[in-house]
Amino acid sequence: MPAFARLPARLKAVIVGVPLAGIGLAAIAGANGGFAAAQSWRWALIPACAAGILLAERYPVKIGLEQKVNLGALPCLLAALLLPPGVGPATAALSVLASNRLVRRTWWESAFNAGNVLVSSSLAALVGAIGNDAGGWQDLRATLAGVAYAVTNLLLGVWPAALHTGRPYPSLVKHAVAASWAASLTLAACAVSIAILSIEAPVAAPLPLIVLPLIYRMNLAILDQARANEQLAGVLTAQRRFLTDVSHQVATPLATIMTNLSIMRRASRGGSAGQAIEDSVAEAERMRRMLMRLRALAHADEDVPLRRELVDLAELTADIVRAYAAQAGTSGVVLVTEVTAPASISADKDLLREAVANLVDNAVRFSPRGADVTLRVAHGSAGPSIDVIDAGPGIEEERLPRLFERFQRSDSGSGLGLAIARRVVERHGGTLRVQTAPGTGSTFTIELPENHN
């Protein structure tokens, strides 16, 4: 953390102002509720809550893959609800200050966290501190106090982060609420339940603590899952690096082989040797295409941001038609474009072109001579779409569930084209689906979100 002197003035004001506001609210709570405990046993909560807060800070429990929820909220709220209003908030705040310093947080961060707890617990004490009797109205007030503590603690906790990072405060609040609301409400409900039961049914008061071992077991499971995810991410990264390295290493010698085969083909006068050369050229070309697709797949799997630009889908499909005109002519297939609704989207042009080109390549190869392959740009309910329609043999129903998986192939091809297309479309926030039946051809539809950023 940066030194306090180097912090922006507004952030300094918040760091100092929140503890001062907490002191003011604590004074109001003390004046309103006094300093006398309803029962003498409640004084034992001072060392108990202090110990609980210290342990919670020293051993934070992770309750989400990217989030640590400090269980110290439980004893802090218990102190606010059961100790005298003039004592409970101060007990919680001083315990937080001591525990923060114990784990070597900076003094100003410790002071802010203690001030945050002092403000939150003082509000909770004002709203729902529990006296001698706990009836329905008191139960409701205690519940509202738990909610007030959780909400105030979160709103104040996000404030310095917004000022320090420059990110919008509402955005950070939304993210924090999404990440912590379940854990915060669980701890608040646990604290309120213990506080109420300690008055109405003291023997049952410890029962809500059963949630703590469950949270601990959840924490262990989450840590194991996080380690497994890290290992899996490492394996996938190594796999992508391997695909990229192999494709690059093989590309150069393969280009040399194809060049030499072309020379030999021109020198050959036919016969069995000429046919063997033709077959070798065809296989080398197939291998070249497979290497290109491996590289494209590795690129599509990378987590690097998409190089977005405004892409006209009509121009994109027209460019692909020009690129595949020679292959279509050799196969006796006619490429047709239809634009029913002009559309432009923000996309990575190269990756999107690769996805559509793979669909067109499959359509050309599987369509019979004299058939049309249609590229249609349209606009569906979700946004722009590109249809690639062929008149091929169709796809068997049993192949459909695994059609877009890698290396799933029929009689020809590498089994990568559809996997690449789906991965690229998903990275753009879209979907790729197919309508097909044996003997009726296939229609592959890419649906892209409107103005996806």
Protein backbone atom coordinates (compact mmCIF):
# COMPACT_ATOMS: atom_id res chain seq x y z
CA MET A 1 0.00 0.00 0.00
CA PRO A 2 1.30 3.52 -0.73
CA ALA A 3 2.34 5.81 2.09
CA PHE A 4 -0.43 7.97 3.55
CA ALA A 5 1.33 11.19 2.51
CA ARG A 6 1.20 10.17 -1.16
CA LEU A 7 -2.53 9.43 -1.18
CA PRO A 8 -4.95 11.80 -2.96
CA ALA A 9 -6.52 14.45 -0.80
CA ARG A 10 -10.05 13.04 -1.19
CA LEU A 11 -8.88 9.59 -0.12
CA LYS A 12 -7.13 11.07 2.93
CA ALA A 13 -10.34 12.87 3.84
CA VAL A 14 -12.31 9.60 3.70
CA ILE A 15 -9.71 7.69 5.71
CA VAL A 16 -9.81 10.31 8.45
CA GLY A 17 -13.48 11.23 8.16
CA VAL A 18 -14.98 7.73 8.51
CA PRO A 19 -13.39 7.05 11.94
CA LEU A 20 -14.41 10.53 13.11
CA ALA A 21 -17.97 9.88 11.94
CA GLY A 22 -17.85 6.57 13.79
CA ILE A 23 -16.80 8.28 17.01
CA GLY A 24 -19.71 10.69 16.65
CA LEU A 25 -22.23 7.90 16.01
CA ALA A 26 -20.82 5.85 18.90
CA ALA A 27 -21.31 8.84 21.20
CA ILE A 28 -24.91 9.17 20.03
CA ALA A 29 -25.49 5.43 20.55
CA GLY A 30 -24.01 5.64 24.05
CA ALA A 31 -26.13 8.66 24.95
CA ASN A 32 -29.23 6.95 23.59
CA GLY A 33 -28.73 3.46 25.04
CA GLY A 34 -26.41 3.96 27.97
CA PHE A 35 -23.47 1.95 29.29
CA ALA A 36 -25.24 -0.55 31.55
CA ALA A 37 -25.60 -4.20 30.58
CA ALA A 38 -29.04 -5.79 30.87
CA GLN A 39 -27.50 -8.94 32.38
CA SER A 40 -24.09 -9.36 33.97
CA TRP A 41 -23.13 -12.29 31.68
CA ARG A 42 -23.05 -9.96 28.72
CA TRP A 43 -19.78 -8.43 29.91
CA ALA A 44 -18.12 -11.73 29.02
CA LEU A 45 -18.82 -10.87 25.40
CA ILE A 46 -16.09 -8.20 25.44
CA PRO A 47 -13.15 -10.64 25.58
CA ALA A 48 -15.07 -13.24 23.56
CA CYS A 49 -15.81 -10.84 20.70
CA ALA A 50 -12.28 -9.44 20.79
CA ALA A 51 -10.83 -12.95 20.53
CA GLY A 52 -13.23 -13.87 17.72
CA ILE A 53 -12.34 -10.76 15.71
CA LEU A 54 -8.61 -11.37 16.19
CA LEU A 55 -8.92 -15.00 15.04
CA ALA A 56 -11.09 -14.03 12.06
CA GLU A 57 -8.54 -11.44 10.92
CA ARG A 58 -5.58 -13.75 11.48
CA TYR A 59 -7.22 -16.66 9.64
CA PRO A 60 -9.57 -15.21 6.98
CA VAL A 61 -11.94 -17.73 5.43
CA LYS A 62 -12.49 -17.72 1.68
CA ILE A 63 -16.14 -18.21 0.84
CA GLY A 64 -15.86 -17.54 -2.91
CA LEU A 65 -13.23 -18.23 -5.53
CA GLU A 66 -12.22 -14.58 -5.76
CA GLN A 67 -13.46 -13.24 -2.45
CA LYS A 68 -12.45 -13.34 1.22
CA VAL A 69 -15.23 -12.77 3.72
CA ASN A 70 -13.95 -11.93 7.19
CA LEU A 71 -15.92 -13.84 9.79
CA GLY A 72 -15.17 -10.98 12.18
CA ALA A 73 -18.50 -9.49 11.12
CA LEU A 74 -20.19 -12.10 13.33
CA PRO A 75 -18.64 -11.05 16.68
CA CYS A 76 -18.80 -7.37 15.67
CA LEU A 77 -22.55 -7.57 15.20
CA LEU A 78 -22.99 -9.63 18.37
CA ALA A 79 -21.16 -6.92 20.31
CA ALA A 80 -23.42 -4.25 18.81
CA LEU A 81 -26.62 -6.17 19.60
CA LEU A 82 -25.88 -7.59 23.07
CA LEU A 83 -23.41 -5.24 24.74
CA PRO A 84 -24.55 -1.81 25.98
CA PRO A 85 -24.75 0.66 23.05
CA GLY A 86 -22.05 2.75 24.70
CA VAL A 87 -19.70 -0.23 24.87
CA GLY A 88 -20.50 -2.67 22.02
CA PRO A 89 -19.48 -0.56 19.00
CA ALA A 90 -16.28 0.57 20.73
CA THR A 91 -15.43 -3.05 21.58
CA ALA A 92 -15.88 -4.10 17.94
CA ALA A 93 -13.91 -1.16 16.55
CA LEU A 94 -10.97 -1.45 18.98
CA SER A 95 -10.78 -5.21 18.34
CA VAL A 96 -10.66 -4.60 14.59
CA LEU A 97 -7.96 -1.97 15.05
CA ALA A 98 -5.83 -4.34 17.16
CA SER A 99 -6.32 -7.28 14.78
CA ASN A 100 -5.45 -5.18 11.72
CA ARG A 101 -2.23 -4.07 13.33
CA LEU A 102 -1.51 -7.68 14.35
CA VAL A 103 -1.52 -8.74 10.71
CA ARG A 104 0.68 -5.74 9.84
CA ARG A 105 -1.80 -3.57 7.99
CA THR A 106 -0.82 0.09 7.70
CA TRP A 107 -2.00 2.30 10.54
CA TRP A 108 -4.26 4.33 8.27
CA GLU A 109 -5.84 1.23 6.72
CA SER A 110 -6.36 -0.18 10.21
CA ALA A 111 -7.88 3.13 11.36
CA PHE A 112 -10.26 3.21 8.39
CA ASN A 113 -11.38 -0.40 8.90
CA ALA A 114 -11.96 0.26 12.59
CA GLY A 115 -13.88 3.42 11.72
CA ASN A 116 -15.98 1.49 9.20
CA VAL A 117 -16.89 -1.07 11.88
CA LEU A 118 -17.54 1.70 14.42
CA VAL A 119 -20.01 3.42 12.06
CA SER A 120 -21.73 0.15 11.09
CA SER A 121 -21.99 -1.25 14.61
CA SER A 122 -23.14 2.09 16.05
CA LEU A 123 -25.99 2.18 13.52
CA ALA A 124 -26.81 -1.44 14.37
CA ALA A 125 -26.84 -0.59 18.09
CA LEU A 126 -29.12 2.40 17.49
CA VAL A 127 -31.52 0.33 15.37
CA GLY A 128 -31.72 -2.97 17.22
CA ALA A 129 -29.68 -3.34 20.42
CA ILE A 130 -31.37 -6.09 22.48
CA GLY A 131 -32.43 -5.31 26.05
CA ASN A 132 -33.97 -7.53 28.71
CA ASP A 133 -36.85 -8.87 26.61
CA ALA A 134 -36.99 -9.97 23.00
CA GLY A 135 -40.41 -9.94 21.44
CA GLY A 136 -41.61 -9.75 17.87
CA TRP A 137 -40.86 -6.04 17.55
CA GLN A 138 -37.39 -6.50 19.03
CA ASP A 139 -36.71 -9.42 16.66
CA LEU A 140 -37.63 -7.24 13.69
CA ARG A 141 -35.39 -4.41 14.94
CA ALA A 142 -32.48 -6.84 15.41
CA THR A 143 -32.98 -8.13 11.88
CA LEU A 144 -32.98 -4.59 10.51
CA ALA A 145 -29.83 -3.90 12.55
CA GLY A 146 -28.09 -6.87 10.91
CA VAL A 147 -29.04 -5.62 7.45
CA ALA A 148 -27.96 -2.08 8.35
CA TYR A 149 -24.57 -3.33 9.55
CA ALA A 150 -23.93 -5.39 6.39
CA VAL A 151 -25.04 -2.65 3.98
CA THR A 152 -23.18 0.17 5.74
CA ASN A 153 -20.01 -1.88 6.08
CA LEU A 154 -20.03 -2.68 2.36
CA LEU A 155 -20.84 0.84 1.18
CA LEU A 156 -18.07 2.36 3.29
CA GLY A 157 -15.58 -0.38 2.43
CA VAL A 158 -15.91 0.25 -1.30
CA TRP A 159 -15.44 4.01 -1.01
CA PRO A 160 -11.61 4.12 -0.64
CA ALA A 161 -11.21 1.52 -3.40
CA ALA A 162 -13.18 3.70 -5.81
CA LEU A 163 -11.12 6.78 -4.95
CA HIS A 164 -7.81 4.91 -5.11
CA THR A 165 -8.44 3.14 -8.43
CA GLY A 166 -10.50 5.84 -10.15
CA ARG A 167 -13.22 3.34 -10.99
CA PRO A 168 -16.87 4.48 -10.70
CA TYR A 169 -18.23 3.99 -7.20
CA PRO A 170 -21.60 2.52 -8.34
CA SER A 171 -19.80 -0.03 -10.50
CA LEU A 172 -17.62 -1.17 -7.60
CA VAL A 173 -20.62 -1.33 -5.27
CA LYS A 174 -22.47 -3.49 -7.77
CA HIS A 175 -19.49 -5.82 -8.09
CA ALA A 176 -19.04 -6.03 -4.31
CA VAL A 177 -22.73 -6.75 -3.72
CA ALA A 178 -22.73 -9.48 -6.36
CA ALA A 179 -19.64 -11.07 -4.82
CA SER A 180 -20.55 -10.88 -1.14
CA TRP A 181 -24.29 -10.54 -0.54
CA ALA A 182 -24.86 -14.23 0.20
CA ALA A 183 -21.96 -14.49 2.65
CA SER A 184 -22.77 -11.16 4.33
CA LEU A 185 -26.44 -12.04 4.85
CA THR A 186 -25.47 -15.48 6.15
CA LEU A 187 -23.18 -14.01 8.79
CA ALA A 188 -25.70 -11.30 9.70
CA ALA A 189 -28.51 -13.87 10.05
CA CYS A 190 -26.24 -16.06 12.18
CA ALA A 191 -25.36 -13.15 14.49
CA VAL A 192 -28.98 -11.99 14.85
CA SER A 193 -30.13 -15.55 15.56
CA ILE A 194 -27.49 -16.04 18.27
CA ALA A 195 -28.33 -12.68 19.86
CA ILE A 196 -32.08 -13.36 19.97
CA LEU A 197 -31.70 -16.96 21.16
CA SER A 198 -29.32 -15.88 23.91
CA ILE A 199 -32.28 -14.00 25.44
CA GLU A 200 -35.24 -16.23 24.54
CA ALA A 201 -33.57 -19.69 24.61
CA PRO A 202 -29.99 -19.49 25.92
CA VAL A 203 -29.42 -23.25 25.60
CA ALA A 204 -30.07 -23.05 21.84
CA ALA A 205 -27.99 -19.90 21.29
CA PRO A 206 -24.85 -21.76 20.06
CA LEU A 207 -26.80 -23.73 17.45
CA PRO A 208 -26.45 -21.14 14.62
CA LEU A 209 -22.66 -21.53 14.97
CA ILE A 210 -23.07 -24.81 13.10
CA VAL A 211 -22.76 -22.70 9.96
CA LEU A 212 -19.11 -21.98 10.76
CA PRO A 213 -17.83 -25.56 10.28
CA LEU A 214 -19.84 -25.71 7.07
CA ILE A 215 -18.17 -22.51 5.87
CA TYR A 216 -14.79 -23.95 6.84
CA ARG A 217 -15.45 -27.15 4.88
CA MET A 218 -16.65 -25.04 1.98
CA ASN A 219 -13.44 -23.05 2.24
CA LEU A 220 -11.33 -26.21 1.94
CA ALA A 221 -13.36 -27.40 -1.03
CA ILE A 222 -13.02 -24.02 -2.74
CA LEU A 223 -9.26 -23.99 -2.18
CA ASP A 224 -8.98 -27.48 -3.66
CA GLN A 225 -11.07 -26.39 -6.63
CA ALA A 226 -8.92 -23.29 -7.09
CA ARG A 227 -5.76 -25.40 -7.12
CA ALA A 228 -7.33 -27.79 -9.61
CA ASN A 229 -8.36 -24.85 -11.80
CA GLU A 230 -4.81 -23.49 -11.71
CA GLN A 231 -3.42 -26.87 -12.74
CA LEU A 232 -5.98 -27.14 -15.53
CA ALA A 233 -5.19 -23.63 -16.71
CA GLY A 234 -1.51 -24.56 -16.80
CA VAL A 235 -2.24 -27.67 -18.85
CA LEU A 236 -4.39 -25.72 -21.30
CA THR A 237 -1.75 -23.01 -21.62
CA ALA A 238 0.91 -25.64 -22.31
CA GLN A 239 -1.39 -27.26 -24.87
CA ARG A 240 -1.96 -23.98 -26.69
CA ARG A 241 1.77 -23.24 -26.65
CA PHE A 242 2.45 -26.73 -28.01
CA LEU A 243 -0.06 -26.28 -30.83
CA THR A 244 1.42 -22.92 -31.75
CA ASP A 245 5.03 -24.16 -31.59
CA VAL A 246 4.35 -27.31 -33.58
CA SER A 247 2.45 -25.47 -36.28
CA HIS A 248 5.25 -22.92 -36.63
CA GLN A 249 8.02 -25.56 -36.58
CA VAL A 250 6.32 -27.76 -39.18
CA ALA A 251 5.21 -24.94 -41.47
CA THR A 252 8.67 -24.20 -42.89
CA PRO A 253 9.71 -27.78 -43.82
CA LEU A 254 6.21 -28.41 -45.15
CA ALA A 255 6.47 -25.38 -47.41
CA THR A 256 9.80 -26.75 -48.71
CA ILE A 257 8.25 -30.16 -49.38
CA MET A 258 5.35 -28.60 -51.27
CA THR A 259 7.71 -26.49 -53.36
CA ASN A 260 9.83 -29.53 -54.28
CA LEU A 261 6.72 -31.56 -55.08
CA SER A 262 5.49 -28.80 -57.38
CA ILE A 263 8.84 -28.85 -59.22
CA MET A 264 8.69 -32.63 -59.54
CA ARG A 265 5.09 -32.47 -60.76
CA ARG A 266 6.05 -30.06 -63.56
CA ALA A 267 8.95 -32.32 -64.52
CA SER A 268 6.91 -35.50 -64.39
CA ARG A 269 5.39 -36.90 -67.57
CA GLY A 270 2.57 -38.84 -65.92
CA GLY A 271 2.46 -42.52 -65.11
CA SER A 272 2.59 -44.03 -61.64
CA ALA A 273 5.29 -41.59 -60.50
CA GLY A 274 3.19 -38.63 -61.60
CA GLN A 275 0.16 -39.99 -59.77
CA ALA A 276 2.22 -40.51 -56.63
CA ILE A 277 3.40 -36.91 -56.79
CA GLU A 278 -0.18 -35.68 -57.23
CA ASP A 279 -1.26 -37.69 -54.19
CA SER A 280 1.66 -36.30 -52.16
CA VAL A 281 0.76 -32.75 -53.14
CA ALA A 282 -2.84 -33.32 -52.06
CA GLU A 283 -1.77 -34.75 -48.71
CA ALA A 284 0.74 -31.95 -48.14
CA GLU A 285 -1.99 -29.39 -48.88
CA ARG A 286 -4.31 -31.12 -46.43
CA MET A 287 -1.58 -31.02 -43.78
CA ARG A 288 -1.01 -27.32 -44.47
CA ARG A 289 -4.69 -26.58 -43.94
CA MET A 290 -4.68 -28.57 -40.69
CA LEU A 291 -1.67 -26.63 -39.40
CA MET A 292 -3.36 -23.36 -40.25
CA ARG A 293 -6.41 -24.48 -38.29
CA LEU A 294 -4.31 -25.56 -35.33
CA ARG A 295 -2.77 -22.10 -35.23
CA ALA A 296 -6.21 -20.52 -35.57
CA LEU A 297 -7.52 -22.68 -32.72
CA ALA A 298 -4.60 -21.75 -30.48
CA HIS A 299 -5.21 -18.07 -31.30
CA ALA A 300 -8.93 -18.40 -30.59
CA ASP A 301 -8.18 -19.99 -27.21
CA GLU A 302 -5.91 -17.19 -26.09
CA ASP A 303 -7.28 -14.87 -23.43
CA VAL A 304 -5.83 -11.78 -25.07
CA PRO A 305 -8.44 -9.08 -25.77
CA LEU A 306 -10.12 -9.15 -29.16
CA ARG A 307 -8.85 -6.57 -31.65
CA ARG A 308 -12.25 -5.04 -32.22
CA GLU A 309 -13.17 -2.80 -35.10
CA LEU A 310 -16.34 -1.96 -36.97
CA VAL A 311 -16.99 -4.86 -39.36
CA ASP A 312 -19.52 -4.73 -42.20
CA LEU A 313 -20.87 -8.28 -42.42
CA ALA A 314 -21.84 -7.86 -46.08
CA GLU A 315 -18.27 -6.89 -46.97
CA LEU A 316 -16.93 -9.74 -44.84
CA THR A 317 -19.01 -12.37 -46.62
CA ALA A 318 -18.19 -10.89 -50.03
CA ASP A 319 -14.48 -11.10 -49.21
CA ILE A 320 -14.83 -14.76 -48.22
CA VAL A 321 -16.69 -15.54 -51.45
CA ARG A 322 -13.83 -14.03 -53.46
CA ALA A 323 -11.28 -16.03 -51.47
CA TYR A 324 -13.10 -19.34 -52.05
CA ALA A 325 -14.16 -18.74 -55.64
CA ALA A 326 -11.33 -20.83 -57.09
CA GLN A 327 -11.94 -23.75 -54.71
CA ALA A 328 -15.67 -23.60 -55.39
CA GLY A 329 -15.06 -23.53 -59.15
CA THR A 330 -12.84 -26.59 -58.95
CA SER A 331 -15.53 -28.41 -56.98
CA GLY A 332 -18.28 -27.29 -59.38
CA VAL A 333 -20.06 -25.36 -56.62
CA VAL A 334 -21.59 -21.89 -56.96
CA LEU A 335 -21.13 -19.40 -54.11
CA VAL A 336 -24.08 -17.06 -53.59
CA THR A 337 -24.42 -14.10 -51.22
CA GLU A 338 -27.67 -12.67 -49.86
CA VAL A 339 -27.96 -9.54 -47.71
CA THR A 340 -31.47 -9.28 -46.28
CA ALA A 341 -30.50 -6.78 -43.58
CA PRO A 342 -27.22 -4.85 -43.71
CA ALA A 343 -25.37 -5.04 -40.42
CA SER A 344 -22.14 -3.77 -38.87
CA ILE A 345 -20.79 -4.96 -35.53
CA SER A 346 -17.77 -4.40 -33.32
CA ALA A 347 -15.67 -7.55 -33.75
CA ASP A 348 -12.22 -8.98 -34.33
CA LYS A 349 -12.36 -9.05 -38.12
CA ASP A 350 -9.65 -11.64 -38.66
CA LEU A 351 -11.07 -14.09 -36.13
CA LEU A 352 -14.64 -13.66 -37.33
CA ARG A 353 -13.53 -14.13 -40.93
CA GLU A 354 -11.76 -17.35 -39.88
CA ALA A 355 -14.96 -18.65 -38.29
CA VAL A 356 -17.13 -17.98 -41.37
CA ALA A 357 -14.42 -19.24 -43.73
CA ASN A 358 -14.30 -22.58 -41.93
CA LEU A 359 -18.04 -22.99 -42.39
CA VAL A 360 -17.76 -22.08 -46.08
CA ASP A 361 -14.84 -24.48 -46.57
CA ASN A 362 -16.90 -27.35 -45.14
CA ALA A 363 -19.93 -26.39 -47.24
CA VAL A 364 -17.91 -26.30 -50.48
CA ARG A 365 -16.22 -29.63 -49.80
CA PHE A 366 -19.42 -31.48 -48.92
CA SER A 367 -21.76 -29.99 -51.55
CA PRO A 368 -22.33 -31.93 -54.79
CA ARG A 369 -21.29 -30.51 -58.15
CA GLY A 370 -23.75 -27.99 -59.53
CA ALA A 371 -25.09 -27.09 -56.06
CA ASP A 372 -25.20 -23.62 -54.49
CA VAL A 373 -23.60 -22.59 -51.22
CA THR A 374 -25.34 -19.49 -49.88
CA LEU A 375 -23.95 -16.93 -47.44
CA ARG A 376 -26.83 -14.91 -46.05
CA VAL A 377 -26.51 -11.83 -43.83
CA ALA A 378 -29.70 -11.23 -41.86
CA HIS A 379 -30.93 -9.72 -38.60
CA GLY A 380 -32.56 -11.92 -36.00
CA SER A 381 -34.19 -11.20 -32.64
CA ALA A 382 -30.85 -11.11 -30.80
CA GLY A 383 -28.83 -9.25 -33.40
CA PRO A 384 -27.04 -9.73 -36.74
CA SER A 385 -26.63 -13.23 -38.11
CA ILE A 386 -24.71 -15.03 -40.87
CA ASP A 387 -26.14 -18.21 -42.41
CA VAL A 388 -24.01 -20.65 -44.40
CA ILE A 389 -26.40 -22.88 -46.34
CA ASP A 390 -25.29 -25.93 -48.33
CA ALA A 391 -26.98 -28.71 -50.26
CA GLY A 392 -24.72 -31.46 -48.98
CA PRO A 393 -25.60 -34.86 -47.55
CA GLY A 394 -26.59 -33.43 -44.16
CA ILE A 395 -25.42 -34.61 -40.76
CA GLU A 396 -26.52 -37.75 -38.93
CA GLU A 397 -28.52 -37.10 -35.78
CA GLU A 398 -26.17 -39.10 -33.58
CA ARG A 399 -23.26 -36.79 -34.52
CA LEU A 400 -25.04 -33.56 -33.59
CA PRO A 401 -24.40 -33.55 -29.80
CA ARG A 402 -20.62 -33.64 -30.39
CA LEU A 403 -20.51 -31.85 -33.72
CA PHE A 404 -18.62 -28.79 -32.47
CA GLU A 405 -16.11 -30.69 -30.35
CA ARG A 406 -12.50 -30.72 -31.43
CA PHE A 407 -11.34 -33.48 -33.79
CA GLN A 408 -14.91 -34.66 -34.40
CA ARG A 409 -14.92 -35.53 -38.09
CA SER A 410 -16.70 -37.59 -40.68
CA ASP A 411 -14.97 -38.90 -43.80
CA SER A 412 -12.68 -35.97 -44.47
CA GLY A 413 -11.27 -32.85 -42.87
CA SER A 414 -9.30 -32.26 -39.71
CA GLY A 415 -12.26 -32.00 -37.36
CA LEU A 416 -11.14 -28.53 -36.27
CA GLY A 417 -13.10 -26.15 -38.49
CA LEU A 418 -16.36 -26.26 -36.55
CA ALA A 419 -14.56 -26.16 -33.20
CA ILE A 420 -12.68 -23.02 -34.29
CA ALA A 421 -15.87 -21.40 -35.56
CA ARG A 422 -17.76 -22.04 -32.32
CA ARG A 423 -14.88 -20.82 -30.13
CA VAL A 424 -14.53 -17.59 -32.12
CA VAL A 425 -18.26 -16.92 -32.05
CA GLU A 426 -18.45 -17.58 -28.29
CA ARG A 427 -15.57 -15.16 -27.67
CA HIS A 428 -17.68 -12.52 -29.42
CA GLY A 429 -20.62 -13.30 -27.14
CA GLY A 430 -22.59 -15.03 -29.90
CA THR A 431 -23.89 -18.52 -30.64
CA LEU A 432 -23.39 -21.03 -33.45
CA ARG A 433 -26.13 -23.53 -34.24
CA VAL A 434 -26.99 -25.92 -37.06
CA GLN A 435 -30.18 -27.09 -38.73
CA THR A 436 -29.70 -30.28 -40.69
CA ALA A 437 -31.03 -33.68 -41.60
CA PRO A 438 -29.54 -36.50 -43.72
CA GLY A 439 -30.08 -35.80 -47.40
CA THR A 440 -31.38 -32.23 -46.95
CA GLY A 441 -28.20 -30.20 -46.53
CA SER A 442 -27.19 -28.07 -43.56
CA THR A 443 -27.62 -24.49 -42.41
CA PHE A 444 -25.06 -23.15 -39.96
CA THR A 445 -26.15 -19.91 -38.28
CA ILE A 446 -23.86 -17.49 -36.48
CA GLU A 447 -25.84 -15.14 -34.22
CA LEU A 448 -23.97 -12.14 -32.85
CA PRO A 449 -25.15 -9.76 -30.12
CA GLU A 450 -26.17 -6.25 -31.01
CA ASN A 451 -23.42 -3.68 -30.28
CA HIS A 452 -21.47 -6.16 -28.16
CA ASN A 453 -18.46 -4.59 -26.46
